[in-house]
Amino acid sequence: MDKRVEENKRVKKQICAAFFGLLRQSDADDVDSISISQITSRANVSRMAYYRNFKSKNDIVKYYIDEVMWSDITDELGDDIDFWTNEYGQVFFSTMKKHRDNILLLESHGYSSVLLSSFNHHNEEIAGDMPSNSIERYKLYYAAGASMNAVLVWLQSGCKESVESMVDSFSDFCRYLHG
């Protein structure tokens, strides 16, 4: 891979880690109180590097969800993902558990809508082309909302149920919704 691309990824990950670290601090109750200077200082990057990669803190969150978290799913399953399978459910719930702390951190700081938007977007990508006037497309949004809600409740309760139990529950839901 191109060295510049690798360096850009490294910088983005540093900025992302810095932002999440600042969110975790007890005095960072409000996202707006976190400054770009604090992020760049903690990430050990310049302001120019920050603005070259992100326009806002929201962009950092989107990057984390779309490029870090979801890439764990696509790295394991490849490009040919079938949302309605147990294999997808296994990878999905394992990934959500892996990212538990950051997902709950985002949810507690008001980023639920960004999470849901990402779930919607990725469900659309997995489903492929679908006519915009198809009533069937709403199944994707039902699934995104329901799976996000189930994931949040599961993560908040400390993942008491196993990944396998969650996959079984997800499979039952998918059969009901998709069947």
Protein backbone atom coordinates (compact mmCIF):
# COMPACT_ATOMS: atom_id res chain seq x y z
CA MET A 1 0.00 0.00 0.00
CA ASP A 2 1.11 3.57 -0.68
CA LYS A 3 3.10 5.02 2.25
CA ARG A 4 1.00 8.19 2.17
CA VAL A 5 -2.20 6.17 2.50
CA GLU A 6 -0.72 4.23 5.42
CA GLU A 7 0.41 7.44 7.10
CA ASN A 8 -3.04 8.98 6.60
CA LYS A 9 -4.66 5.94 8.24
CA ARG A 10 -2.24 6.16 11.14
CA VAL A 11 -3.02 9.86 11.68
CA LYS A 12 -6.77 9.22 11.53
CA LYS A 13 -6.48 6.41 14.07
CA GLN A 14 -4.42 8.63 16.39
CA ILE A 15 -7.01 11.41 16.17
CA CYS A 16 -9.81 8.92 16.74
CA ALA A 17 -8.06 7.41 19.78
CA ALA A 18 -7.39 10.87 21.19
CA PHE A 19 -11.04 11.88 20.79
CA PHE A 20 -12.29 8.73 22.51
CA GLY A 21 -9.74 9.19 25.27
CA LEU A 22 -10.99 12.72 25.88
CA LEU A 23 -14.61 11.50 25.85
CA ARG A 24 -13.71 9.00 28.59
CA GLN A 25 -12.27 11.65 30.88
CA SER A 26 -14.60 12.48 33.73
CA ASP A 27 -14.47 16.22 32.98
CA ALA A 28 -15.50 15.71 29.35
CA ASP A 29 -19.23 15.34 29.95
CA ASP A 30 -20.04 17.58 27.01
CA VAL A 31 -18.61 16.83 23.57
CA ASP A 32 -18.62 20.55 22.79
CA SER A 33 -16.17 21.12 25.64
CA ILE A 34 -13.55 19.04 23.81
CA SER A 35 -11.47 21.37 21.66
CA ILE A 36 -9.62 20.62 18.46
CA SER A 37 -6.45 21.73 20.26
CA GLN A 38 -7.00 19.09 22.94
CA ILE A 39 -7.55 16.42 20.30
CA THR A 40 -4.49 17.35 18.24
CA SER A 41 -2.30 17.67 21.32
CA ARG A 42 -3.35 14.28 22.66
CA ALA A 43 -3.01 12.71 19.19
CA ASN A 44 0.36 14.38 18.71
CA VAL A 45 -0.64 15.72 15.28
CA SER A 46 -0.93 19.21 13.84
CA ARG A 47 -4.17 21.13 13.41
CA MET A 48 -3.50 20.95 9.68
CA ALA A 49 -3.41 17.14 9.89
CA TYR A 50 -6.70 17.22 11.79
CA TYR A 51 -8.46 19.44 9.24
CA ARG A 52 -6.98 17.51 6.33
CA ASN A 53 -8.80 14.44 7.64
CA PHE A 54 -11.85 15.69 9.53
CA LYS A 55 -14.18 18.65 9.32
CA SER A 56 -15.78 18.05 12.70
CA LYS A 57 -15.89 15.80 15.74
CA ASN A 58 -18.92 14.16 14.12
CA ASP A 59 -16.62 13.13 11.26
CA ILE A 60 -14.33 11.42 13.76
CA VAL A 61 -17.30 9.42 15.07
CA LYS A 62 -18.39 8.52 11.53
CA TYR A 63 -14.85 7.45 10.69
CA TYR A 64 -14.71 5.21 13.75
CA ILE A 65 -18.06 3.58 13.02
CA ASP A 66 -17.64 3.22 9.26
CA GLU A 67 -13.92 2.61 8.88
CA VAL A 68 -12.83 1.01 12.14
CA MET A 69 -15.83 -0.84 13.53
CA TRP A 70 -17.53 -1.92 10.29
CA SER A 71 -14.25 -2.85 8.65
CA ASP A 72 -13.92 -5.56 11.31
CA ILE A 73 -17.08 -7.10 9.83
CA THR A 74 -16.09 -6.73 6.19
CA ASP A 75 -12.53 -7.90 6.86
CA GLU A 76 -13.89 -11.14 8.24
CA LEU A 77 -16.77 -11.70 5.80
CA GLY A 78 -15.37 -10.13 2.64
CA ASP A 79 -17.45 -8.28 0.09
CA ASP A 80 -20.12 -10.94 -0.32
CA ILE A 81 -22.11 -10.39 2.87
CA ASP A 82 -25.60 -11.79 3.37
CA PHE A 83 -27.28 -9.92 6.19
CA TRP A 84 -29.82 -12.66 6.84
CA THR A 85 -27.34 -15.44 7.74
CA ASN A 86 -26.04 -16.82 11.02
CA GLU A 87 -22.50 -16.21 9.80
CA TYR A 88 -23.24 -12.48 9.54
CA GLY A 89 -24.92 -12.53 12.96
CA GLN A 90 -21.89 -14.21 14.53
CA VAL A 91 -19.46 -11.66 13.11
CA PHE A 92 -21.82 -8.74 13.82
CA PHE A 93 -22.36 -9.55 17.51
CA SER A 94 -18.70 -10.45 18.05
CA THR A 95 -17.72 -7.10 16.55
CA MET A 96 -20.25 -5.18 18.63
CA LYS A 97 -18.93 -6.90 21.77
CA LYS A 98 -15.34 -6.06 20.78
CA HIS A 99 -16.28 -2.38 20.40
CA ARG A 100 -18.59 -2.37 23.43
CA ASP A 101 -16.86 0.38 25.40
CA ASN A 102 -16.73 2.80 22.48
CA ILE A 103 -20.31 2.07 21.35
CA LEU A 104 -21.63 2.73 24.86
CA LEU A 105 -19.46 5.83 25.10
CA LEU A 106 -20.91 7.15 21.84
CA GLU A 107 -24.45 6.33 22.93
CA SER A 108 -23.97 8.07 26.28
CA HIS A 109 -22.70 11.20 24.50
CA GLY A 110 -25.69 11.50 22.19
CA TYR A 111 -24.37 9.74 19.09
CA SER A 112 -27.20 7.20 18.80
CA SER A 113 -28.48 8.83 15.63
CA VAL A 114 -25.04 8.53 14.03
CA LEU A 115 -24.91 4.85 15.03
CA LEU A 116 -28.38 4.24 13.60
CA SER A 117 -27.53 6.09 10.40
CA SER A 118 -24.49 3.86 10.03
CA PHE A 119 -26.54 0.70 10.67
CA ASN A 120 -28.99 1.86 7.98
CA HIS A 121 -26.21 2.69 5.52
CA HIS A 122 -24.45 -0.63 5.96
CA ASN A 123 -27.68 -2.61 5.71
CA GLU A 124 -28.37 -0.80 2.42
CA GLU A 125 -24.89 -1.67 1.16
CA ILE A 126 -25.26 -5.31 2.14
CA ALA A 127 -28.69 -5.58 0.52
CA GLY A 128 -27.42 -4.19 -2.78
CA ASP A 129 -29.57 -2.45 -5.32
CA MET A 130 -33.18 -2.13 -4.35
CA PRO A 131 -35.76 0.14 -5.97
CA SER A 132 -36.37 3.24 -3.88
CA ASN A 133 -40.13 2.71 -4.24
CA SER A 134 -39.96 -0.90 -2.98
CA ILE A 135 -41.82 -1.51 0.25
CA GLU A 136 -39.29 -4.32 0.86
CA ARG A 137 -36.56 -1.78 1.63
CA TYR A 138 -38.25 -1.01 4.94
CA LYS A 139 -37.26 -4.45 6.19
CA LEU A 140 -33.69 -3.16 6.21
CA TYR A 141 -34.66 -0.21 8.39
CA TYR A 142 -36.70 -2.39 10.75
CA ALA A 143 -33.69 -4.67 11.04
CA ALA A 144 -31.27 -1.77 11.59
CA GLY A 145 -33.37 -0.19 14.33
CA ALA A 146 -34.17 -3.47 16.03
CA SER A 147 -30.61 -4.76 15.89
CA MET A 148 -29.21 -1.47 17.17
CA ASN A 149 -31.68 -1.46 20.05
CA ALA A 150 -30.93 -5.11 20.88
CA VAL A 151 -27.18 -4.47 20.69
CA LEU A 152 -27.38 -1.44 22.99
CA VAL A 153 -29.47 -3.29 25.59
CA TRP A 154 -27.14 -6.30 25.37
CA LEU A 155 -24.01 -4.16 25.70
CA GLN A 156 -25.49 -2.10 28.55
CA SER A 157 -26.34 -5.28 30.46
CA GLY A 158 -22.73 -6.43 30.23
CA CYS A 159 -23.17 -8.96 27.41
CA LYS A 160 -24.64 -11.48 29.84
CA GLU A 161 -25.94 -13.59 26.98
CA SER A 162 -23.37 -15.28 24.79
CA VAL A 163 -22.68 -14.17 21.24
CA GLU A 164 -24.16 -17.50 20.13
CA SER A 165 -27.41 -16.82 22.04
CA MET A 166 -27.63 -13.39 20.45
CA VAL A 167 -27.07 -14.93 17.01
CA ASP A 168 -29.89 -17.42 17.65
CA SER A 169 -32.18 -14.58 18.70
CA PHE A 170 -31.10 -12.53 15.67
CA SER A 171 -31.75 -15.54 13.40
CA ASP A 172 -35.27 -15.93 14.81
CA PHE A 173 -35.88 -12.23 14.18
CA CYS A 174 -34.50 -12.44 10.63
CA ARG A 175 -36.69 -15.45 9.80
CA TYR A 176 -39.69 -13.55 11.10
CA LEU A 177 -38.81 -10.36 9.24
CA HIS A 178 -37.39 -11.84 6.06
CA GLY A 179 -39.53 -14.94 5.82
